[in-house]
Full PDB file with SEQRES, HELIX, SHEET, SSBOND, CRYST1, ORIGX, SCALE, CONECT and MASTER records, all heavy atoms in Angstrom:
SEQRES   1 A   33  PHE GLU LEU GLN LYS LEU GLY GLU PHE ASP THR LYS ARG          
SEQRES   2 A   33  SER SER TRP ILE LYS THR PRO ALA GLU ILE ARG GLU LEU          
SEQRES   3 A   33  GLY GLY ALA LEU TYR CYS ASP                                  
HELIX    1 AA1 LEU A    3  LEU A    6  5                                   4    
HELIX    2 AA2 ALA A   21  ARG A   24  1                                   4    
CRYST1    1.000    1.000    1.000  90.00  90.00  90.00 P 1           1          
ORIGX1      1.000000  0.000000  0.000000        0.00000                         
ORIGX2      0.000000  1.000000  0.000000        0.00000                         
ORIGX3      0.000000  0.000000  1.000000        0.00000                         
SCALE1      1.000000  0.000000  0.000000        0.00000                         
SCALE2      0.000000  1.000000  0.000000        0.00000                         
SCALE3      0.000000  0.000000  1.000000        0.00000                         
ATOM      1  N   PHE A   1      98.519 -62.804   8.136  1.00  0.00           N  
ATOM      2  CA  PHE A   1      97.999 -62.639   6.782  1.00  0.00           C  
ATOM      3  C   PHE A   1      98.909 -63.323   5.757  1.00  0.00           C  
ATOM      4  O   PHE A   1      98.429 -63.894   4.776  1.00  0.00           O  
ATOM      5  CB  PHE A   1      97.788 -61.157   6.449  1.00  0.00           C  
ATOM      6  CG  PHE A   1      96.462 -60.630   6.916  1.00  0.00           C  
ATOM      7  CD1 PHE A   1      96.284 -60.238   8.242  1.00  0.00           C  
ATOM      8  CD2 PHE A   1      95.378 -60.550   6.053  1.00  0.00           C  
ATOM      9  CE1 PHE A   1      95.057 -59.770   8.688  1.00  0.00           C  
ATOM     10  CE2 PHE A   1      94.145 -60.075   6.487  1.00  0.00           C  
ATOM     11  CZ  PHE A   1      93.981 -59.687   7.815  1.00  0.00           C  
ATOM     12  N   GLU A   2     100.227 -63.303   5.986  1.00  0.00           N  
ATOM     13  CA  GLU A   2     101.162 -64.008   5.106  1.00  0.00           C  
ATOM     14  C   GLU A   2     100.907 -65.521   5.171  1.00  0.00           C  
ATOM     15  O   GLU A   2     100.916 -66.202   4.147  1.00  0.00           O  
ATOM     16  CB  GLU A   2     102.614 -63.694   5.471  1.00  0.00           C  
ATOM     17  CG  GLU A   2     103.069 -62.311   5.055  1.00  0.00           C  
ATOM     18  CD  GLU A   2     102.963 -62.071   3.557  1.00  0.00           C  
ATOM     19  OE1 GLU A   2     103.389 -62.939   2.762  1.00  0.00           O  
ATOM     20  OE2 GLU A   2     102.431 -61.004   3.168  1.00  0.00           O  
ATOM     21  N   LEU A   3     100.706 -66.042   6.376  1.00  0.00           N  
ATOM     22  CA  LEU A   3     100.398 -67.465   6.529  1.00  0.00           C  
ATOM     23  C   LEU A   3      99.150 -67.828   5.729  1.00  0.00           C  
ATOM     24  O   LEU A   3      99.126 -68.850   5.042  1.00  0.00           O  
ATOM     25  CB  LEU A   3     100.197 -67.809   8.009  1.00  0.00           C  
ATOM     26  CG  LEU A   3      99.702 -69.235   8.298  1.00  0.00           C  
ATOM     27  CD1 LEU A   3     100.785 -70.254   7.967  1.00  0.00           C  
ATOM     28  CD2 LEU A   3      99.248 -69.363   9.743  1.00  0.00           C  
ATOM     29  N   GLN A   4      98.139 -66.991   5.792  1.00  0.00           N  
ATOM     30  CA  GLN A   4      96.871 -67.293   5.126  1.00  0.00           C  
ATOM     31  C   GLN A   4      97.001 -67.292   3.594  1.00  0.00           C  
ATOM     32  O   GLN A   4      96.150 -67.854   2.912  1.00  0.00           O  
ATOM     33  CB  GLN A   4      95.780 -66.316   5.573  1.00  0.00           C  
ATOM     34  CG  GLN A   4      95.344 -66.516   7.008  1.00  0.00           C  
ATOM     35  CD  GLN A   4      94.468 -67.748   7.209  1.00  0.00           C  
ATOM     36  OE1 GLN A   4      94.135 -68.480   6.278  1.00  0.00           O  
ATOM     37  NE2 GLN A   4      94.073 -67.992   8.445  1.00  0.00           N  
ATOM     38  N   LYS A   5      98.058 -66.723   3.058  1.00  0.00           N  
ATOM     39  CA  LYS A   5      98.314 -66.788   1.616  1.00  0.00           C  
ATOM     40  C   LYS A   5      98.801 -68.180   1.208  1.00  0.00           C  
ATOM     41  O   LYS A   5      98.789 -68.531   0.037  1.00  0.00           O  
ATOM     42  CB  LYS A   5      99.354 -65.749   1.201  1.00  0.00           C  
ATOM     43  CG  LYS A   5      98.855 -64.325   1.299  1.00  0.00           C  
ATOM     44  CD  LYS A   5      99.968 -63.354   0.941  1.00  0.00           C  
ATOM     45  CE  LYS A   5      99.515 -61.922   1.133  1.00  0.00           C  
ATOM     46  NZ  LYS A   5     100.615 -60.969   0.869  1.00  0.00           N  
ATOM     47  N   LEU A   6      99.246 -68.978   2.195  1.00  0.00           N  
ATOM     48  CA  LEU A   6      99.791 -70.319   1.924  1.00  0.00           C  
ATOM     49  C   LEU A   6      98.737 -71.417   2.030  1.00  0.00           C  
ATOM     50  O   LEU A   6      99.024 -72.578   1.760  1.00  0.00           O  
ATOM     51  CB  LEU A   6     100.938 -70.614   2.909  1.00  0.00           C  
ATOM     52  CG  LEU A   6     102.094 -69.624   2.882  1.00  0.00           C  
ATOM     53  CD1 LEU A   6     103.093 -69.955   3.985  1.00  0.00           C  
ATOM     54  CD2 LEU A   6     102.765 -69.623   1.516  1.00  0.00           C  
ATOM     55  N   GLY A   7      97.543 -71.080   2.453  1.00  0.00           N  
ATOM     56  CA  GLY A   7      96.482 -72.068   2.616  1.00  0.00           C  
ATOM     57  C   GLY A   7      95.341 -71.468   3.407  1.00  0.00           C  
ATOM     58  O   GLY A   7      95.302 -70.257   3.638  1.00  0.00           O  
ATOM     59  N   GLU A   8      94.417 -72.324   3.813  1.00  0.00           N  
ATOM     60  CA  GLU A   8      93.290 -71.862   4.632  1.00  0.00           C  
ATOM     61  C   GLU A   8      93.469 -72.400   6.043  1.00  0.00           C  
ATOM     62  O   GLU A   8      93.361 -73.598   6.272  1.00  0.00           O  
ATOM     63  CB  GLU A   8      91.971 -72.317   4.020  1.00  0.00           C  
ATOM     64  CG  GLU A   8      91.695 -71.630   2.700  1.00  0.00           C  
ATOM     65  CD  GLU A   8      90.277 -71.832   2.213  1.00  0.00           C  
ATOM     66  OE1 GLU A   8      89.465 -72.479   2.913  1.00  0.00           O  
ATOM     67  OE2 GLU A   8      89.983 -71.323   1.125  1.00  0.00           O  
ATOM     68  N   PHE A   9      93.730 -71.504   6.971  1.00  0.00           N  
ATOM     69  CA  PHE A   9      94.007 -71.853   8.351  1.00  0.00           C  
ATOM     70  C   PHE A   9      92.953 -71.240   9.272  1.00  0.00           C  
ATOM     71  O   PHE A   9      92.397 -70.186   8.973  1.00  0.00           O  
ATOM     72  CB  PHE A   9      95.404 -71.349   8.753  1.00  0.00           C  
ATOM     73  CG  PHE A   9      96.510 -71.904   7.903  1.00  0.00           C  
ATOM     74  CD1 PHE A   9      96.948 -71.233   6.767  1.00  0.00           C  
ATOM     75  CD2 PHE A   9      97.103 -73.123   8.224  1.00  0.00           C  
ATOM     76  CE1 PHE A   9      97.964 -71.751   5.976  1.00  0.00           C  
ATOM     77  CE2 PHE A   9      98.119 -73.640   7.438  1.00  0.00           C  
ATOM     78  CZ  PHE A   9      98.550 -72.962   6.314  1.00  0.00           C  
ATOM     79  N   ASP A  10      92.712 -71.893  10.395  1.00  0.00           N  
ATOM     80  CA  ASP A  10      91.787 -71.394  11.421  1.00  0.00           C  
ATOM     81  C   ASP A  10      90.381 -71.140  10.885  1.00  0.00           C  
ATOM     82  O   ASP A  10      89.764 -70.114  11.157  1.00  0.00           O  
ATOM     83  CB  ASP A  10      92.338 -70.130  12.100  1.00  0.00           C  
ATOM     84  CG  ASP A  10      93.569 -70.395  12.935  1.00  0.00           C  
ATOM     85  OD1 ASP A  10      93.793 -71.557  13.312  1.00  0.00           O  
ATOM     86  OD2 ASP A  10      94.308 -69.431  13.211  1.00  0.00           O  
ATOM     87  N   THR A  11      89.842 -72.114  10.170  1.00  0.00           N  
ATOM     88  CA  THR A  11      88.471 -71.996   9.672  1.00  0.00           C  
ATOM     89  C   THR A  11      87.441 -72.379  10.732  1.00  0.00           C  
ATOM     90  O   THR A  11      86.256 -72.103  10.569  1.00  0.00           O  
ATOM     91  CB  THR A  11      88.259 -72.890   8.435  1.00  0.00           C  
ATOM     92  OG1 THR A  11      88.560 -74.247   8.791  1.00  0.00           O  
ATOM     93  CG2 THR A  11      89.149 -72.444   7.276  1.00  0.00           C  
ATOM     94  N   LYS A  12      87.883 -73.014  11.813  1.00  0.00           N  
ATOM     95  CA  LYS A  12      86.984 -73.414  12.902  1.00  0.00           C  
ATOM     96  C   LYS A  12      87.434 -72.883  14.258  1.00  0.00           C  
ATOM     97  O   LYS A  12      86.690 -72.967  15.227  1.00  0.00           O  
ATOM     98  CB  LYS A  12      86.903 -74.937  12.982  1.00  0.00           C  
ATOM     99  CG  LYS A  12      86.334 -75.572  11.741  1.00  0.00           C  
ATOM    100  CD  LYS A  12      86.383 -77.072  11.814  1.00  0.00           C  
ATOM    101  CE  LYS A  12      85.873 -77.655  10.507  1.00  0.00           C  
ATOM    102  NZ  LYS A  12      86.147 -79.060  10.380  1.00  0.00           N  
ATOM    103  N   ARG A  13      88.652 -72.394  14.338  1.00  0.00           N  
ATOM    104  CA  ARG A  13      89.204 -71.894  15.591  1.00  0.00           C  
ATOM    105  C   ARG A  13      89.822 -70.538  15.326  1.00  0.00           C  
ATOM    106  O   ARG A  13      89.792 -70.040  14.207  1.00  0.00           O  
ATOM    107  CB  ARG A  13      90.258 -72.871  16.122  1.00  0.00           C  
ATOM    108  CG  ARG A  13      89.685 -74.249  16.390  1.00  0.00           C  
ATOM    109  CD  ARG A  13      90.767 -75.195  16.805  1.00  0.00           C  
ATOM    110  NE  ARG A  13      90.416 -75.701  18.119  1.00  0.00           N  
ATOM    111  CZ  ARG A  13      91.207 -76.408  18.874  1.00  0.00           C  
ATOM    112  NH1 ARG A  13      92.423 -76.702  18.478  1.00  0.00           N  
ATOM    113  NH2 ARG A  13      90.813 -76.842  20.042  1.00  0.00           N  
ATOM    114  N   SER A  14      90.437 -69.942  16.343  1.00  0.00           N  
ATOM    115  CA  SER A  14      91.090 -68.643  16.179  1.00  0.00           C  
ATOM    116  C   SER A  14      92.415 -68.633  16.932  1.00  0.00           C  
ATOM    117  O   SER A  14      92.656 -69.481  17.786  1.00  0.00           O  
ATOM    118  CB  SER A  14      90.181 -67.514  16.678  1.00  0.00           C  
ATOM    119  OG  SER A  14      89.878 -67.687  18.051  1.00  0.00           O  
ATOM    120  N   SER A  15      93.261 -67.665  16.584  1.00  0.00           N  
ATOM    121  CA  SER A  15      94.607 -67.572  17.165  1.00  0.00           C  
ATOM    122  C   SER A  15      94.868 -66.165  17.684  1.00  0.00           C  
ATOM    123  O   SER A  15      94.675 -65.184  16.953  1.00  0.00           O  
ATOM    124  CB  SER A  15      95.665 -67.891  16.101  1.00  0.00           C  
ATOM    125  OG  SER A  15      95.571 -69.223  15.650  1.00  0.00           O  
ATOM    126  N   TRP A  16      95.334 -66.081  18.949  1.00  0.00           N  
ATOM    127  CA  TRP A  16      95.811 -64.801  19.461  1.00  0.00           C  
ATOM    128  C   TRP A  16      96.974 -64.354  18.578  1.00  0.00           C  
ATOM    129  O   TRP A  16      97.772 -65.182  18.122  1.00  0.00           O  
ATOM    130  CB  TRP A  16      96.348 -64.940  20.877  1.00  0.00           C  
ATOM    131  CG  TRP A  16      95.357 -65.134  21.980  1.00  0.00           C  
ATOM    132  CD1 TRP A  16      95.251 -66.230  22.780  1.00  0.00           C  
ATOM    133  CD2 TRP A  16      94.381 -64.208  22.465  1.00  0.00           C  
ATOM    134  NE1 TRP A  16      94.263 -66.043  23.725  1.00  0.00           N  
ATOM    135  CE2 TRP A  16      93.707 -64.807  23.544  1.00  0.00           C  
ATOM    136  CE3 TRP A  16      94.001 -62.916  22.071  1.00  0.00           C  
ATOM    137  CZ2 TRP A  16      92.694 -64.173  24.245  1.00  0.00           C  
ATOM    138  CZ3 TRP A  16      92.983 -62.280  22.767  1.00  0.00           C  
ATOM    139  CH2 TRP A  16      92.341 -62.904  23.838  1.00  0.00           C  
ATOM    140  N   ILE A  17      97.109 -63.063  18.344  1.00  0.00           N  
ATOM    141  CA  ILE A  17      98.258 -62.513  17.619  1.00  0.00           C  
ATOM    142  C   ILE A  17      98.911 -61.432  18.483  1.00  0.00           C  
ATOM    143  O   ILE A  17      98.303 -60.936  19.429  1.00  0.00           O  
ATOM    144  CB  ILE A  17      97.879 -61.941  16.233  1.00  0.00           C  
ATOM    145  CG1 ILE A  17      96.857 -60.805  16.367  1.00  0.00           C  
ATOM    146  CG2 ILE A  17      97.378 -63.059  15.314  1.00  0.00           C  
ATOM    147  CD1 ILE A  17      96.638 -60.024  15.073  1.00  0.00           C  
ATOM    148  N   LYS A  18     100.149 -61.088  18.143  1.00  0.00           N  
ATOM    149  CA  LYS A  18     100.866 -60.050  18.883  1.00  0.00           C  
ATOM    150  C   LYS A  18     100.054 -58.756  18.799  1.00  0.00           C  
ATOM    151  O   LYS A  18      99.694 -58.305  17.714  1.00  0.00           O  
ATOM    152  CB  LYS A  18     102.263 -59.850  18.289  1.00  0.00           C  
ATOM    153  CG  LYS A  18     103.171 -59.043  19.170  1.00  0.00           C  
ATOM    154  CD  LYS A  18     104.565 -58.956  18.615  1.00  0.00           C  
ATOM    155  CE  LYS A  18     105.280 -60.286  18.798  1.00  0.00           C  
ATOM    156  NZ  LYS A  18     106.689 -60.212  18.423  1.00  0.00           N  
ATOM    157  N   THR A  19      99.759 -58.208  19.943  1.00  0.00           N  
ATOM    158  CA  THR A  19      98.872 -57.052  20.037  1.00  0.00           C  
ATOM    159  C   THR A  19      99.662 -55.771  20.296  1.00  0.00           C  
ATOM    160  O   THR A  19     100.526 -55.751  21.176  1.00  0.00           O  
ATOM    161  CB  THR A  19      97.845 -57.289  21.169  1.00  0.00           C  
ATOM    162  OG1 THR A  19      97.083 -58.465  20.846  1.00  0.00           O  
ATOM    163  CG2 THR A  19      96.907 -56.115  21.334  1.00  0.00           C  
ATOM    164  N   PRO A  20      99.375 -54.702  19.552  1.00  0.00           N  
ATOM    165  CA  PRO A  20     100.069 -53.430  19.771  1.00  0.00           C  
ATOM    166  C   PRO A  20      99.865 -52.910  21.200  1.00  0.00           C  
ATOM    167  O   PRO A  20      98.810 -53.094  21.805  1.00  0.00           O  
ATOM    168  CB  PRO A  20      99.416 -52.482  18.754  1.00  0.00           C  
ATOM    169  CG  PRO A  20      98.857 -53.385  17.698  1.00  0.00           C  
ATOM    170  CD  PRO A  20      98.436 -54.635  18.425  1.00  0.00           C  
ATOM    171  N   ALA A  21     100.878 -52.221  21.722  1.00  0.00           N  
ATOM    172  CA  ALA A  21     100.870 -51.718  23.098  1.00  0.00           C  
ATOM    173  C   ALA A  21      99.669 -50.822  23.381  1.00  0.00           C  
ATOM    174  O   ALA A  21      99.074 -50.900  24.460  1.00  0.00           O  
ATOM    175  CB  ALA A  21     102.176 -50.970  23.387  1.00  0.00           C  
ATOM    176  N   GLU A  22      99.274 -49.993  22.421  1.00  0.00           N  
ATOM    177  CA  GLU A  22      98.161 -49.070  22.673  1.00  0.00           C  
ATOM    178  C   GLU A  22      96.837 -49.808  22.888  1.00  0.00           C  
ATOM    179  O   GLU A  22      95.987 -49.354  23.647  1.00  0.00           O  
ATOM    180  CB  GLU A  22      98.034 -48.009  21.570  1.00  0.00           C  
ATOM    181  CG  GLU A  22      97.788 -48.527  20.178  1.00  0.00           C  
ATOM    182  CD  GLU A  22      99.047 -48.855  19.378  1.00  0.00           C  
ATOM    183  OE1 GLU A  22     100.152 -48.908  19.964  1.00  0.00           O  
ATOM    184  OE2 GLU A  22      98.918 -49.085  18.164  1.00  0.00           O  
ATOM    185  N   ILE A  23      96.681 -50.966  22.279  1.00  0.00           N  
ATOM    186  CA  ILE A  23      95.475 -51.778  22.501  1.00  0.00           C  
ATOM    187  C   ILE A  23      95.574 -52.496  23.845  1.00  0.00           C  
ATOM    188  O   ILE A  23      94.616 -52.556  24.608  1.00  0.00           O  
ATOM    189  CB  ILE A  23      95.263 -52.764  21.341  1.00  0.00           C  
ATOM    190  CG1 ILE A  23      94.936 -51.993  20.062  1.00  0.00           C  
ATOM    191  CG2 ILE A  23      94.147 -53.768  21.670  1.00  0.00           C  
ATOM    192  CD1 ILE A  23      94.874 -52.837  18.802  1.00  0.00           C  
ATOM    193  N   ARG A  24      96.766 -53.017  24.166  1.00  0.00           N  
ATOM    194  CA  ARG A  24      96.962 -53.691  25.448  1.00  0.00           C  
ATOM    195  C   ARG A  24      96.758 -52.737  26.621  1.00  0.00           C  
ATOM    196  O   ARG A  24      96.190 -53.112  27.641  1.00  0.00           O  
ATOM    197  CB  ARG A  24      98.375 -54.313  25.528  1.00  0.00           C  
ATOM    198  CG  ARG A  24      98.508 -55.624  24.845  1.00  0.00           C  
ATOM    199  CD  ARG A  24      97.590 -56.710  25.418  1.00  0.00           C  
ATOM    200  NE  ARG A  24      97.845 -56.924  26.833  1.00  0.00           N  
ATOM    201  CZ  ARG A  24      96.985 -56.691  27.809  1.00  0.00           C  
ATOM    202  NH1 ARG A  24      95.780 -56.267  27.578  1.00  0.00           N  
ATOM    203  NH2 ARG A  24      97.326 -56.917  29.073  1.00  0.00           N  
ATOM    204  N   GLU A  25      97.196 -51.494  26.475  1.00  0.00           N  
ATOM    205  CA  GLU A  25      97.033 -50.511  27.543  1.00  0.00           C  
ATOM    206  C   GLU A  25      95.564 -50.262  27.868  1.00  0.00           C  
ATOM    207  O   GLU A  25      95.223 -49.881  28.987  1.00  0.00           O  
ATOM    208  CB  GLU A  25      97.725 -49.194  27.167  1.00  0.00           C  
ATOM    209  CG  GLU A  25      99.233 -49.301  27.221  1.00  0.00           C  
ATOM    210  CD  GLU A  25      99.943 -48.105  26.605  1.00  0.00           C  
ATOM    211  OE1 GLU A  25      99.281 -47.083  26.300  1.00  0.00           O  
ATOM    212  OE2 GLU A  25     101.164 -48.207  26.419  1.00  0.00           O  
ATOM    213  N   LEU A  26      94.692 -50.507  26.909  1.00  0.00           N  
ATOM    214  CA  LEU A  26      93.250 -50.339  27.107  1.00  0.00           C  
ATOM    215  C   LEU A  26      92.578 -51.640  27.543  1.00  0.00           C  
ATOM    216  O   LEU A  26      91.360 -51.693  27.682  1.00  0.00           O  
ATOM    217  CB  LEU A  26      92.609 -49.808  25.820  1.00  0.00           C  
ATOM    218  CG  LEU A  26      93.090 -48.425  25.381  1.00  0.00           C  
ATOM    219  CD1 LEU A  26      92.563 -48.081  23.998  1.00  0.00           C  
ATOM    220  CD2 LEU A  26      92.686 -47.369  26.407  1.00  0.00           C  
ATOM    221  N   GLY A  27      93.381 -52.702  27.746  1.00  0.00           N  
ATOM    222  CA  GLY A  27      92.849 -53.977  28.237  1.00  0.00           C  
ATOM    223  C   GLY A  27      92.464 -54.974  27.161  1.00  0.00           C  
ATOM    224  O   GLY A  27      91.965 -56.056  27.462  1.00  0.00           O  
ATOM    225  N   GLY A  28      92.703 -54.634  25.909  1.00  0.00           N  
ATOM    226  CA  GLY A  28      92.315 -55.513  24.812  1.00  0.00           C  
ATOM    227  C   GLY A  28      93.458 -56.338  24.257  1.00  0.00           C  
ATOM    228  O   GLY A  28      94.624 -56.112  24.576  1.00  0.00           O  
ATOM    229  N   ALA A  29      93.090 -57.311  23.437  1.00  0.00           N  
ATOM    230  CA  ALA A  29      94.054 -58.136  22.709  1.00  0.00           C  
ATOM    231  C   ALA A  29      93.410 -58.571  21.400  1.00  0.00           C  
ATOM    232  O   ALA A  29      92.184 -58.648  21.291  1.00  0.00           O  
ATOM    233  CB  ALA A  29      94.469 -59.346  23.534  1.00  0.00           C  
ATOM    234  N   LEU A  30      94.240 -58.848  20.402  1.00  0.00           N  
ATOM    235  CA  LEU A  30      93.751 -59.198  19.071  1.00  0.00           C  
ATOM    236  C   LEU A  30      93.880 -60.690  18.786  1.00  0.00           C  
ATOM    237  O   LEU A  30      94.783 -61.350  19.288  1.00  0.00           O  
ATOM    238  CB  LEU A  30      94.533 -58.428  18.009  1.00  0.00           C  
ATOM    239  CG  LEU A  30      94.484 -56.907  18.102  1.00  0.00           C  
ATOM    240  CD1 LEU A  30      95.347 -56.298  17.003  1.00  0.00           C  
ATOM    241  CD2 LEU A  30      93.061 -56.391  18.026  1.00  0.00           C  
ATOM    242  N   TYR A  31      92.981 -61.172  17.957  1.00  0.00           N  
ATOM    243  CA  TYR A  31      93.044 -62.547  17.459  1.00  0.00           C  
ATOM    244  C   TYR A  31      92.638 -62.524  15.991  1.00  0.00           C  
ATOM    245  O   TYR A  31      92.045 -61.546  15.502  1.00  0.00           O  
ATOM    246  CB  TYR A  31      92.144 -63.483  18.267  1.00  0.00           C  
ATOM    247  CG  TYR A  31      90.670 -63.214  18.109  1.00  0.00           C  
ATOM    248  CD1 TYR A  31      89.930 -63.840  17.100  1.00  0.00           C  
ATOM    249  CD2 TYR A  31      90.012 -62.330  18.942  1.00  0.00           C  
ATOM    250  CE1 TYR A  31      88.579 -63.585  16.946  1.00  0.00           C  
ATOM    251  CE2 TYR A  31      88.660 -62.069  18.797  1.00  0.00           C  
ATOM    252  CZ  TYR A  31      87.949 -62.701  17.794  1.00  0.00           C  
ATOM    253  OH  TYR A  31      86.612 -62.442  17.627  1.00  0.00           O  
ATOM    254  N   CYS A  32      92.954 -63.592  15.283  1.00  0.00           N  
ATOM    255  CA  CYS A  32      92.592 -63.718  13.876  1.00  0.00           C  
ATOM    256  C   CYS A  32      91.984 -65.086  13.616  1.00  0.00           C  
ATOM    257  O   CYS A  32      92.245 -66.049  14.339  1.00  0.00           O  
ATOM    258  CB  CYS A  32      93.824 -63.571  12.977  1.00  0.00           C  
ATOM    259  SG  CYS A  32      94.509 -61.915  12.897  1.00  0.00           S  
ATOM    260  N   ASP A  33      91.200 -65.144  12.547  1.00  0.00           N  
ATOM    261  CA  ASP A  33      90.674 -66.408  12.042  1.00  0.00           C  
ATOM    262  C   ASP A  33      90.247 -66.214  10.590  1.00  0.00           C  
ATOM    263  O   ASP A  33      90.336 -65.111  10.053  1.00  0.00           O  
ATOM    264  CB  ASP A  33      89.517 -66.935  12.905  1.00  0.00           C  
ATOM    265  CG  ASP A  33      88.361 -65.962  13.052  1.00  0.00           C  
ATOM    266  OD1 ASP A  33      88.185 -65.069  12.206  1.00  0.00           O  
ATOM    267  OD2 ASP A  33      87.614 -66.108  14.038  1.00  0.00           O  
TER     268      ASP A  33                                                      
MASTER        0    0    0    2    0    0    0    6  267    1    0    3          
END                                                                             
């Protein structure tokens, strides 16, 4: 979110982000765009 304050990024693609352990334990992972 700090990066996105500096410009417009990932308007056509997405990026995996560091995922909290409780989400990983359930088999999930987070991404942003």
